[in-house]
Structures are given as C-alpha cells and as structure tokens.
Amino acid sequence: MSTSTNSGVRAVLRGYRMSASKVREVLDLIRGKDIITARDILVYTDRGAAKAVLKLLASAVANAEHNNGIPGEELYVAACYADEGVTMKRFSARARGRAAQILKRTSHITIIVDRMDERKIAEVVRKRSNDEAKRQARRSARVRASNPAKDQVEESQIEISEDEVLEAQDVAVVETVETNVASENIVEADAAETLNEDEVVVDAEVEGESK
C-alpha cells in the first residue's frame, strides 16, 4: 500500500512477519539519509529486515518519481517507523502435559520520502563527487601497486633514453674534434704548398742570376 501526503510520499508494508523492535533497528540506520546513502546502508546491513526495508524504500521512491515527478536523486528518508501488528499465538507441548505459548509477532512498516532543499542537494552532490574522486584515486593506486614491473620497465626506458642522449652527445663531440683536426690538416697542407711554391720561385731566380 502506498499513499501521498503533503509532507512527503509514503509506502507502507503491513503484516510483515517480524517484530517491530527488530525492524526499528534497521530503520534507525537510514532515517534522515539521502536515498543513495540509505540504499548502500541497507545493501550491506546484515539484518533480516534489511531486505524488506530496501524493497519498501524502492517502492516509496518509485511513488515519488511516477506520481509526484520528483527525481529519485533528490529524495531523502524524511520519516520511517514500525508499528506493532497482529500477534499470532501458537502453543508448544511441554513436560507433564503442559503447553508453552509461542507468540508470532508481525509489524506494519512505513517509510516517508521527501525532496531535499536546494542547499542539501548541492551538498550531497558535492560529497558524491568527492567520494568518487577518492575512489578513483584509490583504484589508480591499487593498479600502480599491482603492476610494479610496468614501473620498472618505464624507469629502464627512461634510463636507456638518458644513455642514448649521452652517447649522442659523445658522438657529436667526437665529430666536432674530427672536423677541427681535418680543418687543421687542410691548413697545414695549404701552408706546405705555399712553401713549395716559394722554394720553386727562389730556385728559378737563383738559376737566372747564375746564367
């Protein structure tokens, strides 16, 4: 059963086969929480009533979305409570012909959801964004920790590239030295040719004077 009131949208589960005190322990966990947080709490709650409360919460959210046009992400648990239902009485045989009473209790569960105000919506959105960023950072850290070989390969590649740069620098220095030596050899050869020409001229002058 589900109804809509001025204070929010509600969903009711009647005659649930569990005592109200046990259901209240679960409802206390989600009261005042936004819908996504409440769902996460119920999914990971190890209580018998958590599954039924989760289904009832989904029903209340669906009522708000389809009947009132409120997005599910903007809802929160405005109120939730469990009332005593019908108690079924059974008997169990005991010693000496006596009988012990067994009480099978039931409860009526009610969940009311309503839209958060704008400030609360912005706060919830910001919190979800921060949580998602933290999860991404932790996931990246786990991936890097699980692949140390990749980091070693990258470091070795960096070292190899540095060695290649040093080798290239050494080759450039050697080529520069060889170029300078070749230039000096050319200059020496030119000087030697010039000396040979001067000697030839001197010899020619000496032969002319002797004649």
N, C-alpha and C. Protein backbone atom coordinates (compact mmCIF):
# COMPACT_ATOMS: atom_id res chain seq x y z
N MET A 1 0.86 -1.20 0.00
CA MET A 1 0.00 0.00 0.00
C MET A 1 0.88 1.24 0.00
N SER A 2 0.51 2.24 -0.76
CA SER A 2 1.28 3.48 -0.81
C SER A 2 0.33 4.65 -0.94
N THR A 3 0.65 5.71 -0.27
CA THR A 3 -0.17 6.92 -0.30
C THR A 3 0.74 8.13 -0.38
N SER A 4 0.17 9.29 -0.76
CA SER A 4 0.90 10.54 -0.86
C SER A 4 0.26 11.56 0.07
N THR A 5 1.09 12.27 0.82
CA THR A 5 0.61 13.30 1.73
C THR A 5 1.34 14.60 1.44
N ASN A 6 0.92 15.67 2.13
CA ASN A 6 1.56 16.95 1.94
C ASN A 6 2.99 16.97 2.44
N SER A 7 3.31 16.13 3.41
CA SER A 7 4.64 16.11 4.00
C SER A 7 5.59 15.15 3.30
N GLY A 8 5.19 14.54 2.21
CA GLY A 8 6.05 13.61 1.51
C GLY A 8 5.27 12.48 0.89
N VAL A 9 5.99 11.53 0.33
CA VAL A 9 5.39 10.37 -0.31
C VAL A 9 5.74 9.15 0.53
N ARG A 10 4.74 8.31 0.80
CA ARG A 10 4.98 7.19 1.70
C ARG A 10 4.67 5.86 1.03
N ALA A 11 5.26 4.82 1.60
CA ALA A 11 4.95 3.45 1.22
C ALA A 11 4.83 2.66 2.52
N VAL A 12 3.84 1.76 2.57
CA VAL A 12 3.53 1.03 3.80
C VAL A 12 3.53 -0.47 3.50
N LEU A 13 4.16 -1.22 4.36
CA LEU A 13 4.13 -2.69 4.30
C LEU A 13 3.43 -3.19 5.57
N ARG A 14 2.32 -3.87 5.39
CA ARG A 14 1.51 -4.32 6.53
C ARG A 14 1.68 -5.82 6.74
N GLY A 15 1.68 -6.21 8.00
CA GLY A 15 1.72 -7.61 8.36
C GLY A 15 3.04 -8.31 8.06
N TYR A 16 4.14 -7.57 8.14
CA TYR A 16 5.45 -8.19 7.91
C TYR A 16 5.77 -9.12 9.08
N ARG A 17 6.20 -10.33 8.79
CA ARG A 17 6.38 -11.35 9.81
C ARG A 17 7.70 -11.17 10.56
N MET A 18 7.76 -10.11 11.31
CA MET A 18 8.90 -9.84 12.18
C MET A 18 8.47 -8.84 13.22
N SER A 19 9.04 -8.90 14.39
CA SER A 19 8.65 -7.98 15.45
C SER A 19 9.08 -6.56 15.10
N ALA A 20 8.30 -5.60 15.59
CA ALA A 20 8.58 -4.19 15.30
C ALA A 20 9.91 -3.75 15.88
N SER A 21 10.31 -4.32 17.01
CA SER A 21 11.57 -3.91 17.63
C SER A 21 12.77 -4.26 16.75
N LYS A 22 12.71 -5.40 16.06
CA LYS A 22 13.80 -5.78 15.16
C LYS A 22 13.84 -4.91 13.92
N VAL A 23 12.66 -4.55 13.41
CA VAL A 23 12.61 -3.69 12.22
C VAL A 23 13.11 -2.29 12.55
N ARG A 24 12.81 -1.81 13.75
CA ARG A 24 13.24 -0.45 14.14
C ARG A 24 14.76 -0.32 14.16
N GLU A 25 15.45 -1.39 14.48
CA GLU A 25 16.91 -1.33 14.48
C GLU A 25 17.46 -1.02 13.08
N VAL A 26 16.78 -1.50 12.06
CA VAL A 26 17.19 -1.22 10.68
C VAL A 26 16.74 0.18 10.26
N LEU A 27 15.54 0.55 10.62
CA LEU A 27 15.03 1.87 10.23
C LEU A 27 15.84 3.00 10.85
N ASP A 28 16.37 2.77 12.05
CA ASP A 28 17.19 3.81 12.68
C ASP A 28 18.45 4.12 11.89
N LEU A 29 18.90 3.17 11.06
CA LEU A 29 20.13 3.37 10.29
C LEU A 29 19.94 4.31 9.11
N ILE A 30 18.73 4.38 8.56
CA ILE A 30 18.51 5.15 7.32
C ILE A 30 17.70 6.42 7.55
N ARG A 31 17.22 6.65 8.71
CA ARG A 31 16.38 7.84 8.96
C ARG A 31 17.18 9.11 8.74
N GLY A 32 16.67 10.00 7.88
CA GLY A 32 17.32 11.27 7.58
C GLY A 32 18.39 11.20 6.51
N LYS A 33 18.68 10.02 5.98
CA LYS A 33 19.72 9.86 4.96
C LYS A 33 19.14 10.09 3.57
N ASP A 34 20.00 10.52 2.64
CA ASP A 34 19.55 10.61 1.25
C ASP A 34 19.37 9.21 0.68
N ILE A 35 18.69 9.10 -0.44
CA ILE A 35 18.26 7.80 -0.94
C ILE A 35 19.45 6.91 -1.30
N ILE A 36 20.45 7.45 -1.96
CA ILE A 36 21.59 6.63 -2.38
C ILE A 36 22.35 6.11 -1.16
N THR A 37 22.55 6.97 -0.17
CA THR A 37 23.22 6.52 1.05
C THR A 37 22.39 5.47 1.79
N ALA A 38 21.07 5.69 1.85
CA ALA A 38 20.20 4.72 2.52
C ALA A 38 20.24 3.37 1.81
N ARG A 39 20.27 3.37 0.49
CA ARG A 39 20.36 2.11 -0.25
C ARG A 39 21.66 1.38 0.06
N ASP A 40 22.74 2.12 0.05
CA ASP A 40 24.04 1.49 0.34
C ASP A 40 24.05 0.88 1.75
N ILE A 41 23.49 1.60 2.70
CA ILE A 41 23.45 1.08 4.08
C ILE A 41 22.64 -0.21 4.15
N LEU A 42 21.48 -0.23 3.48
CA LEU A 42 20.62 -1.42 3.55
C LEU A 42 21.24 -2.60 2.82
N VAL A 43 21.94 -2.35 1.73
CA VAL A 43 22.55 -3.45 0.97
C VAL A 43 23.59 -4.17 1.82
N TYR A 44 24.34 -3.41 2.62
CA TYR A 44 25.43 -4.00 3.40
C TYR A 44 25.07 -4.22 4.88
N THR A 45 23.79 -4.14 5.20
CA THR A 45 23.35 -4.39 6.58
C THR A 45 23.00 -5.85 6.75
N ASP A 46 23.62 -6.49 7.73
CA ASP A 46 23.40 -7.91 7.98
C ASP A 46 22.27 -8.09 8.99
N ARG A 47 21.06 -7.73 8.57
CA ARG A 47 19.86 -7.86 9.40
C ARG A 47 18.76 -8.48 8.56
N GLY A 48 17.89 -9.25 9.23
CA GLY A 48 16.84 -9.92 8.49
C GLY A 48 15.85 -8.96 7.85
N ALA A 49 15.60 -7.82 8.47
CA ALA A 49 14.62 -6.87 7.96
C ALA A 49 15.18 -5.96 6.88
N ALA A 50 16.48 -6.00 6.64
CA ALA A 50 17.09 -5.05 5.69
C ALA A 50 16.55 -5.26 4.28
N LYS A 51 16.36 -6.50 3.88
CA LYS A 51 15.88 -6.77 2.52
C LYS A 51 14.48 -6.23 2.32
N ALA A 52 13.57 -6.45 3.28
CA ALA A 52 12.21 -5.94 3.16
C ALA A 52 12.18 -4.42 3.18
N VAL A 53 12.98 -3.81 4.03
CA VAL A 53 13.03 -2.34 4.10
C VAL A 53 13.58 -1.76 2.81
N LEU A 54 14.56 -2.46 2.20
CA LEU A 54 15.11 -1.98 0.93
C LEU A 54 14.05 -2.00 -0.17
N LYS A 55 13.25 -3.04 -0.23
CA LYS A 55 12.17 -3.11 -1.21
C LYS A 55 11.12 -2.03 -0.95
N LEU A 56 10.81 -1.80 0.31
CA LEU A 56 9.82 -0.77 0.64
C LEU A 56 10.34 0.62 0.30
N LEU A 57 11.62 0.86 0.51
CA LEU A 57 12.23 2.14 0.15
C LEU A 57 12.17 2.34 -1.37
N ALA A 58 12.45 1.29 -2.13
CA ALA A 58 12.35 1.39 -3.59
C ALA A 58 10.93 1.71 -4.02
N SER A 59 9.94 1.14 -3.32
CA SER A 59 8.53 1.44 -3.63
C SER A 59 8.20 2.90 -3.36
N ALA A 60 8.68 3.43 -2.24
CA ALA A 60 8.42 4.83 -1.91
C ALA A 60 9.07 5.76 -2.94
N VAL A 61 10.29 5.44 -3.37
CA VAL A 61 10.98 6.26 -4.38
C VAL A 61 10.23 6.21 -5.71
N ALA A 62 9.76 5.02 -6.09
CA ALA A 62 9.00 4.90 -7.34
C ALA A 62 7.71 5.71 -7.27
N ASN A 63 7.03 5.70 -6.12
CA ASN A 63 5.82 6.51 -5.98
C ASN A 63 6.12 8.00 -6.15
N ALA A 64 7.23 8.44 -5.58
CA ALA A 64 7.59 9.86 -5.69
C ALA A 64 7.94 10.23 -7.13
N GLU A 65 8.62 9.33 -7.83
CA GLU A 65 9.03 9.63 -9.21
C GLU A 65 7.85 9.63 -10.17
N HIS A 66 6.98 8.63 -10.07
CA HIS A 66 5.91 8.48 -11.05
C HIS A 66 4.67 9.30 -10.69
N ASN A 67 4.40 9.45 -9.42
CA ASN A 67 3.18 10.16 -9.02
C ASN A 67 3.41 11.65 -8.80
N ASN A 68 4.58 12.03 -8.31
CA ASN A 68 4.85 13.44 -8.00
C ASN A 68 5.92 14.06 -8.90
N GLY A 69 6.59 13.26 -9.73
CA GLY A 69 7.59 13.79 -10.65
C GLY A 69 8.85 14.29 -9.96
N ILE A 70 9.20 13.73 -8.83
CA ILE A 70 10.41 14.14 -8.10
C ILE A 70 11.55 13.18 -8.47
N PRO A 71 12.69 13.65 -8.93
CA PRO A 71 13.82 12.75 -9.24
C PRO A 71 14.27 11.98 -7.99
N GLY A 72 14.60 10.73 -8.18
CA GLY A 72 15.00 9.90 -7.04
C GLY A 72 16.25 10.39 -6.35
N GLU A 73 17.19 11.04 -7.11
CA GLU A 73 18.43 11.50 -6.50
C GLU A 73 18.22 12.67 -5.55
N GLU A 74 17.05 13.33 -5.64
CA GLU A 74 16.79 14.50 -4.79
C GLU A 74 15.96 14.15 -3.56
N LEU A 75 15.70 12.86 -3.33
CA LEU A 75 14.87 12.44 -2.21
C LEU A 75 15.71 12.04 -1.01
N TYR A 76 15.11 12.07 0.15
CA TYR A 76 15.72 11.57 1.37
C TYR A 76 14.65 10.93 2.24
N VAL A 77 15.07 10.14 3.22
CA VAL A 77 14.12 9.46 4.10
C VAL A 77 13.68 10.44 5.17
N ALA A 78 12.51 11.02 4.97
CA ALA A 78 12.01 12.03 5.90
C ALA A 78 11.55 11.40 7.21
N ALA A 79 10.94 10.23 7.13
CA ALA A 79 10.46 9.54 8.34
C ALA A 79 10.34 8.06 8.03
N CYS A 80 10.51 7.24 9.06
CA CYS A 80 10.33 5.79 8.93
C CYS A 80 10.06 5.23 10.32
N TYR A 81 9.10 4.34 10.39
CA TYR A 81 8.76 3.77 11.70
C TYR A 81 8.08 2.42 11.48
N ALA A 82 8.03 1.65 12.55
CA ALA A 82 7.39 0.32 12.54
C ALA A 82 6.44 0.23 13.72
N ASP A 83 5.20 -0.17 13.45
CA ASP A 83 4.17 -0.34 14.48
C ASP A 83 3.90 -1.83 14.71
N GLU A 84 3.38 -2.12 15.88
CA GLU A 84 3.03 -3.50 16.19
C GLU A 84 1.85 -3.95 15.33
N GLY A 85 1.97 -5.16 14.80
CA GLY A 85 0.87 -5.74 14.04
C GLY A 85 0.15 -6.81 14.84
N VAL A 86 -0.57 -7.65 14.15
CA VAL A 86 -1.30 -8.75 14.78
C VAL A 86 -0.30 -9.77 15.31
N THR A 87 -0.51 -10.25 16.52
CA THR A 87 0.33 -11.29 17.12
C THR A 87 -0.41 -12.63 17.06
N MET A 88 0.18 -13.56 16.34
CA MET A 88 -0.42 -14.89 16.24
C MET A 88 0.07 -15.75 17.41
N LYS A 89 -0.84 -16.46 18.04
CA LYS A 89 -0.50 -17.26 19.21
C LYS A 89 -0.50 -18.75 18.85
N ARG A 90 0.60 -19.40 19.19
CA ARG A 90 0.73 -20.83 18.98
C ARG A 90 1.18 -21.45 20.30
N PHE A 91 1.05 -22.78 20.38
CA PHE A 91 1.42 -23.48 21.61
C PHE A 91 2.35 -24.64 21.29
N SER A 92 3.24 -24.90 22.21
CA SER A 92 4.19 -25.99 22.07
C SER A 92 4.07 -26.90 23.30
N ALA A 93 4.11 -28.21 23.08
CA ALA A 93 3.96 -29.18 24.18
C ALA A 93 5.18 -29.14 25.09
N ARG A 94 4.92 -29.22 26.40
CA ARG A 94 5.97 -29.26 27.40
C ARG A 94 5.79 -30.49 28.29
N ALA A 95 6.65 -30.59 29.25
CA ALA A 95 6.62 -31.77 30.13
C ALA A 95 5.37 -31.77 31.02
N ARG A 96 5.00 -32.98 31.45
CA ARG A 96 3.91 -33.19 32.40
C ARG A 96 2.58 -32.64 31.87
N GLY A 97 2.39 -32.76 30.54
CA GLY A 97 1.11 -32.39 29.93
C GLY A 97 0.84 -30.91 29.83
N ARG A 98 1.85 -30.12 30.06
CA ARG A 98 1.65 -28.67 29.98
C ARG A 98 1.91 -28.16 28.56
N ALA A 99 1.56 -26.91 28.30
CA ALA A 99 1.76 -26.27 26.99
C ALA A 99 2.39 -24.89 27.19
N ALA A 100 3.36 -24.56 26.30
CA ALA A 100 4.03 -23.25 26.35
C ALA A 100 3.53 -22.39 25.19
N GLN A 101 3.29 -21.16 25.48
CA GLN A 101 2.77 -20.25 24.46
C GLN A 101 3.89 -19.73 23.56
N ILE A 102 3.64 -19.68 22.25
CA ILE A 102 4.58 -19.10 21.26
C ILE A 102 3.87 -17.91 20.63
N LEU A 103 4.53 -16.74 20.65
CA LEU A 103 3.96 -15.52 20.07
C LEU A 103 4.68 -15.20 18.75
N LYS A 104 3.94 -15.25 17.66
CA LYS A 104 4.48 -14.91 16.34
C LYS A 104 4.05 -13.48 16.01
N ARG A 105 4.98 -12.56 16.16
CA ARG A 105 4.64 -11.14 16.05
C ARG A 105 4.78 -10.67 14.60
N THR A 106 4.00 -9.66 14.28
CA THR A 106 4.08 -9.00 12.98
C THR A 106 4.19 -7.50 13.19
N SER A 107 4.50 -6.79 12.10
CA SER A 107 4.68 -5.33 12.21
C SER A 107 4.20 -4.66 10.93
N HIS A 108 3.85 -3.39 11.05
CA HIS A 108 3.49 -2.55 9.92
C HIS A 108 4.61 -1.52 9.74
N ILE A 109 5.27 -1.53 8.58
CA ILE A 109 6.42 -0.66 8.33
C ILE A 109 6.00 0.48 7.41
N THR A 110 6.40 1.69 7.75
CA THR A 110 6.08 2.88 6.96
C THR A 110 7.36 3.66 6.68
N ILE A 111 7.53 4.03 5.43
CA ILE A 111 8.67 4.86 5.02
C ILE A 111 8.12 6.06 4.26
N ILE A 112 8.53 7.26 4.65
CA ILE A 112 8.11 8.51 4.01
C ILE A 112 9.35 9.19 3.42
N VAL A 113 9.31 9.48 2.14
CA VAL A 113 10.42 10.17 1.47
C VAL A 113 9.93 11.55 1.03
N ASP A 114 10.85 12.49 0.99
CA ASP A 114 10.52 13.86 0.59
C ASP A 114 11.70 14.45 -0.13
N ARG A 115 11.48 15.57 -0.82
CA ARG A 115 12.54 16.21 -1.58
C ARG A 115 13.41 17.07 -0.66
N MET A 116 14.72 16.99 -0.86
CA MET A 116 15.65 17.81 -0.09
C MET A 116 15.61 19.26 -0.58
N ASP A 117 16.03 20.19 0.27
CA ASP A 117 16.12 21.57 -0.17
C ASP A 117 17.36 21.75 -1.05
N GLU A 118 17.43 22.89 -1.73
CA GLU A 118 18.49 23.11 -2.72
C GLU A 118 19.88 23.05 -2.09
N ARG A 119 20.03 23.61 -0.89
CA ARG A 119 21.34 23.60 -0.23
C ARG A 119 21.78 22.17 0.07
N LYS A 120 20.84 21.36 0.55
CA LYS A 120 21.16 19.97 0.87
C LYS A 120 21.49 19.18 -0.39
N ILE A 121 20.76 19.44 -1.48
CA ILE A 121 21.04 18.75 -2.74
C ILE A 121 22.45 19.07 -3.23
N ALA A 122 22.83 20.36 -3.18
CA ALA A 122 24.17 20.75 -3.61
C ALA A 122 25.23 20.10 -2.74
N GLU A 123 24.98 20.04 -1.44
CA GLU A 123 25.93 19.42 -0.53
C GLU A 123 26.10 17.93 -0.82
N VAL A 124 24.98 17.25 -1.08
CA VAL A 124 25.04 15.82 -1.38
C VAL A 124 25.77 15.57 -2.69
N VAL A 125 25.50 16.39 -3.71
CA VAL A 125 26.19 16.23 -5.00
C VAL A 125 27.68 16.44 -4.84
N ARG A 126 28.07 17.46 -4.07
CA ARG A 126 29.50 17.72 -3.85
C ARG A 126 30.16 16.56 -3.10
N LYS A 127 29.46 16.02 -2.12
CA LYS A 127 30.01 14.90 -1.36
C LYS A 127 30.19 13.66 -2.25
N ARG A 128 29.21 13.41 -3.10
CA ARG A 128 29.32 12.26 -4.01
C ARG A 128 30.47 12.44 -4.97
N SER A 129 30.67 13.66 -5.47
CA SER A 129 31.79 13.92 -6.39
C SER A 129 33.12 13.68 -5.69
N ASN A 130 33.26 14.16 -4.45
CA ASN A 130 34.49 13.95 -3.70
C ASN A 130 34.74 12.47 -3.43
N ASP A 131 33.67 11.75 -3.07
CA ASP A 131 33.81 10.31 -2.82
C ASP A 131 34.23 9.58 -4.08
N GLU A 132 33.65 9.96 -5.22
CA GLU A 132 34.02 9.31 -6.48
C GLU A 132 35.47 9.61 -6.84
N ALA A 133 35.93 10.85 -6.60
CA ALA A 133 37.33 11.19 -6.87
C ALA A 133 38.27 10.38 -5.98
N LYS A 134 37.89 10.22 -4.70
CA LYS A 134 38.72 9.42 -3.80
C LYS A 134 38.77 7.96 -4.23
N ARG A 135 37.61 7.42 -4.67
CA ARG A 135 37.60 6.04 -5.15
C ARG A 135 38.49 5.87 -6.38
N GLN A 136 38.43 6.84 -7.28
CA GLN A 136 39.28 6.77 -8.47
C GLN A 136 40.75 6.81 -8.09
N ALA A 137 41.10 7.67 -7.11
CA ALA A 137 42.50 7.75 -6.68
C ALA A 137 42.95 6.44 -6.04
N ARG A 138 42.10 5.85 -5.18
CA ARG A 138 42.46 4.57 -4.57
C ARG A 138 42.60 3.47 -5.61
N ARG A 139 41.69 3.48 -6.60
CA ARG A 139 41.76 2.47 -7.66
C ARG A 139 43.05 2.61 -8.47
N SER A 140 43.42 3.84 -8.78
CA SER A 140 44.66 4.06 -9.53
C SER A 140 45.88 3.63 -8.72
N ALA A 141 45.84 3.91 -7.40
CA ALA A 141 46.95 3.49 -6.54
C ALA A 141 47.07 1.97 -6.49
N ARG A 142 45.91 1.28 -6.42
CA ARG A 142 45.97 -0.19 -6.42
C ARG A 142 46.50 -0.73 -7.73
N VAL A 143 46.11 -0.10 -8.84
CA VAL A 143 46.59 -0.56 -10.14
C VAL A 143 48.10 -0.38 -10.25
N ARG A 144 48.59 0.78 -9.78
CA ARG A 144 50.04 1.01 -9.83
C ARG A 144 50.78 0.04 -8.90
N ALA A 145 50.20 -0.26 -7.75
CA ALA A 145 50.85 -1.19 -6.82
C ALA A 145 50.85 -2.61 -7.35
N SER A 146 49.82 -2.97 -8.14
CA SER A 146 49.74 -4.33 -8.67
C SER A 146 50.58 -4.52 -9.92
N ASN A 147 51.15 -3.44 -10.50
CA ASN A 147 51.97 -3.54 -11.70
C ASN A 147 53.34 -2.91 -11.47
N PRO A 148 54.14 -3.45 -10.53
CA PRO A 148 55.47 -2.86 -10.32
C PRO A 148 56.40 -3.09 -11.50
N ALA A 149 56.17 -4.19 -12.25
CA ALA A 149 57.03 -4.48 -13.40
C ALA A 149 56.91 -3.39 -14.45
N LYS A 150 55.69 -2.87 -14.63
CA LYS A 150 55.48 -1.81 -15.61
C LYS A 150 56.27 -0.56 -15.23
N ASP A 151 56.26 -0.22 -13.92
CA ASP A 151 57.02 0.94 -13.47
C ASP A 151 58.51 0.73 -13.70
N GLN A 152 59.00 -0.52 -13.44
CA GLN A 152 60.41 -0.79 -13.67
C GLN A 152 60.76 -0.65 -15.13
N VAL A 153 59.86 -1.14 -16.02
CA VAL A 153 60.11 -1.02 -17.45
C VAL A 153 60.18 0.43 -17.86
N GLU A 154 59.24 1.24 -17.32
CA GLU A 154 59.25 2.67 -17.65
C GLU A 154 60.53 3.33 -17.16
N GLU A 155 60.98 2.97 -15.93
CA GLU A 155 62.21 3.54 -15.41
C GLU A 155 63.40 3.12 -16.26
N SER A 156 63.44 1.84 -16.68
CA SER A 156 64.54 1.38 -17.52
C SER A 156 64.53 2.09 -18.86
N GLN A 157 63.32 2.34 -19.41
CA GLN A 157 63.24 3.07 -20.67
C GLN A 157 63.77 4.49 -20.51
N ILE A 158 63.46 5.10 -19.36
CA ILE A 158 63.98 6.45 -19.11
C ILE A 158 65.50 6.43 -19.01
N GLU A 159 66.04 5.39 -18.30
CA GLU A 159 67.49 5.28 -18.19
C GLU A 159 68.12 5.05 -19.55
N ILE A 160 67.48 4.19 -20.38
CA ILE A 160 68.02 3.94 -21.71
C ILE A 160 68.01 5.20 -22.54
N SER A 161 66.94 5.96 -22.46
CA SER A 161 66.88 7.20 -23.23
C SER A 161 67.95 8.18 -22.77
N GLU A 162 68.22 8.24 -21.45
CA GLU A 162 69.28 9.11 -20.96
C GLU A 162 70.64 8.65 -21.49
N ASP A 163 70.87 7.32 -21.50
CA ASP A 163 72.13 6.80 -22.04
C ASP A 163 72.25 7.14 -23.52
N GLU A 164 71.16 7.04 -24.26
CA GLU A 164 71.21 7.38 -25.69
C GLU A 164 71.56 8.84 -25.88
N VAL A 165 71.02 9.70 -25.03
CA VAL A 165 71.33 11.13 -25.13
C VAL A 165 72.83 11.36 -24.88
N LEU A 166 73.36 10.70 -23.83
CA LEU A 166 74.79 10.84 -23.55
C LEU A 166 75.65 10.34 -24.69
N GLU A 167 75.26 9.19 -25.27
CA GLU A 167 76.02 8.66 -26.41
C GLU A 167 75.96 9.63 -27.58
N ALA A 168 74.79 10.20 -27.83
CA ALA A 168 74.66 11.16 -28.93
C ALA A 168 75.54 12.38 -28.69
N GLN A 169 75.59 12.83 -27.43
CA GLN A 169 76.45 13.96 -27.11
C GLN A 169 77.92 13.61 -27.34
N ASP A 170 78.34 12.38 -26.93
CA ASP A 170 79.72 11.95 -27.16
C ASP A 170 80.04 11.89 -28.64
N VAL A 171 79.10 11.35 -29.43
CA VAL A 171 79.33 11.27 -30.88
C VAL A 171 79.47 12.66 -31.47
N ALA A 172 78.64 13.59 -31.01
CA ALA A 172 78.73 14.96 -31.53
C ALA A 172 80.08 15.58 -31.18
N VAL A 173 80.56 15.33 -29.95
CA VAL A 173 81.87 15.87 -29.55
C VAL A 173 82.97 15.29 -30.42
N VAL A 174 82.92 13.96 -30.64
CA VAL A 174 83.95 13.31 -31.47
C VAL A 174 83.93 13.86 -32.88
N GLU A 175 82.73 14.03 -33.47
CA GLU A 175 82.64 14.58 -34.82
C GLU A 175 83.20 16.00 -34.87
N THR A 176 82.93 16.77 -33.82
CA THR A 176 83.46 18.14 -33.79
C THR A 176 84.99 18.13 -33.75
N VAL A 177 85.55 17.23 -32.92
CA VAL A 177 87.01 17.12 -32.84
C VAL A 177 87.59 16.70 -34.17
N GLU A 178 86.95 15.70 -34.81
CA GLU A 178 87.44 15.25 -36.11
C GLU A 178 87.38 16.35 -37.15
N THR A 179 86.32 17.14 -37.10
CA THR A 179 86.20 18.27 -38.04
C THR A 179 87.31 19.29 -37.82
N ASN A 180 87.58 19.58 -36.55
CA ASN A 180 88.66 20.53 -36.25
C ASN A 180 90.01 20.00 -36.73
N VAL A 181 90.26 18.69 -36.49
CA VAL A 181 91.53 18.10 -36.93
C VAL A 181 91.65 18.16 -38.44
N ALA A 182 90.54 17.85 -39.14
CA ALA A 182 90.57 17.89 -40.61
C ALA A 182 90.85 19.31 -41.09
N SER A 183 90.23 20.30 -40.40
CA SER A 183 90.48 21.70 -40.80
C SER A 183 91.95 22.07 -40.60
N GLU A 184 92.55 21.62 -39.48
CA GLU A 184 93.96 21.90 -39.23
C GLU A 184 94.85 21.23 -40.29
N ASN A 185 94.50 20.01 -40.68
CA ASN A 185 95.27 19.32 -41.72
C ASN A 185 95.22 20.07 -43.04
N ILE A 186 94.02 20.58 -43.36
CA ILE A 186 93.89 21.34 -44.62
C ILE A 186 94.76 22.60 -44.57
N VAL A 187 94.70 23.27 -43.41
CA VAL A 187 95.51 24.49 -43.27
C VAL A 187 97.00 24.17 -43.41
N GLU A 188 97.44 23.07 -42.76
CA GLU A 188 98.84 22.68 -42.87
C GLU A 188 99.21 22.33 -44.31
N ALA A 189 98.31 21.65 -45.02
CA ALA A 189 98.59 21.30 -46.41
C ALA A 189 98.72 22.55 -47.26
N ASP A 190 97.84 23.52 -47.04
CA ASP A 190 97.92 24.79 -47.79
C ASP A 190 99.24 25.50 -47.50
N ALA A 191 99.63 25.47 -46.21
CA ALA A 191 100.89 26.13 -45.86
C ALA A 191 102.07 25.43 -46.52
N ALA A 192 102.01 24.08 -46.57
CA ALA A 192 103.11 23.33 -47.21
C ALA A 192 103.17 23.63 -48.70
N GLU A 193 102.03 23.69 -49.37
CA GLU A 193 102.03 24.03 -50.80
C GLU A 193 102.60 25.42 -51.03
N THR A 194 102.22 26.36 -50.14
CA THR A 194 102.73 27.73 -50.28
C THR A 194 104.26 27.75 -50.14
N LEU A 195 104.82 26.98 -49.19
CA LEU A 195 106.27 26.90 -49.01
C LEU A 195 106.95 26.30 -50.24
N ASN A 196 106.33 25.27 -50.81
CA ASN A 196 106.90 24.64 -52.01
C ASN A 196 106.93 25.63 -53.17
N GLU A 197 105.86 26.41 -53.35
CA GLU A 197 105.84 27.41 -54.43
C GLU A 197 106.93 28.46 -54.22
N ASP A 198 107.12 28.88 -52.95
CA ASP A 198 108.17 29.88 -52.69
C ASP A 198 109.55 29.32 -53.00
N GLU A 199 109.75 28.05 -52.65
CA GLU A 199 111.05 27.43 -52.96
C GLU A 199 111.30 27.35 -54.45
N VAL A 200 110.22 27.01 -55.20
CA VAL A 200 110.38 26.94 -56.67
C VAL A 200 110.74 28.30 -57.22
N VAL A 201 110.09 29.36 -56.73
CA VAL A 201 110.38 30.71 -57.22
C VAL A 201 111.83 31.10 -56.91
N VAL A 202 112.28 30.78 -55.70
CA VAL A 202 113.65 31.11 -55.30
C VAL A 202 114.65 30.38 -56.18
N ASP A 203 114.38 29.11 -56.44
CA ASP A 203 115.30 28.33 -57.29
C ASP A 203 115.37 28.93 -58.70
N ALA A 204 114.22 29.36 -59.21
CA ALA A 204 114.20 29.94 -60.55
C ALA A 204 115.02 31.23 -60.58
N GLU A 205 114.92 32.05 -59.56
CA GLU A 205 115.68 33.30 -59.52
C GLU A 205 117.17 33.03 -59.43
N VAL A 206 117.52 32.01 -58.62
CA VAL A 206 118.94 31.67 -58.49
C VAL A 206 119.49 31.19 -59.82
N GLU A 207 118.78 30.38 -60.59
CA GLU A 207 119.25 29.90 -61.87
C GLU A 207 119.39 31.05 -62.85
N GLY A 208 118.46 32.02 -62.77
CA GLY A 208 118.56 33.15 -63.70
C GLY A 208 119.77 34.00 -63.42
N GLU A 209 120.12 34.23 -62.18
CA GLU A 209 121.28 35.03 -61.85
C GLU A 209 122.58 34.32 -62.25
N SER A 210 122.56 32.99 -62.09
CA SER A 210 123.78 32.26 -62.45
C SER A 210 124.01 32.31 -63.94
N LYS A 211 123.01 32.34 -64.76
CA LYS A 211 123.16 32.46 -66.19
C LYS A 211 123.63 33.85 -66.56
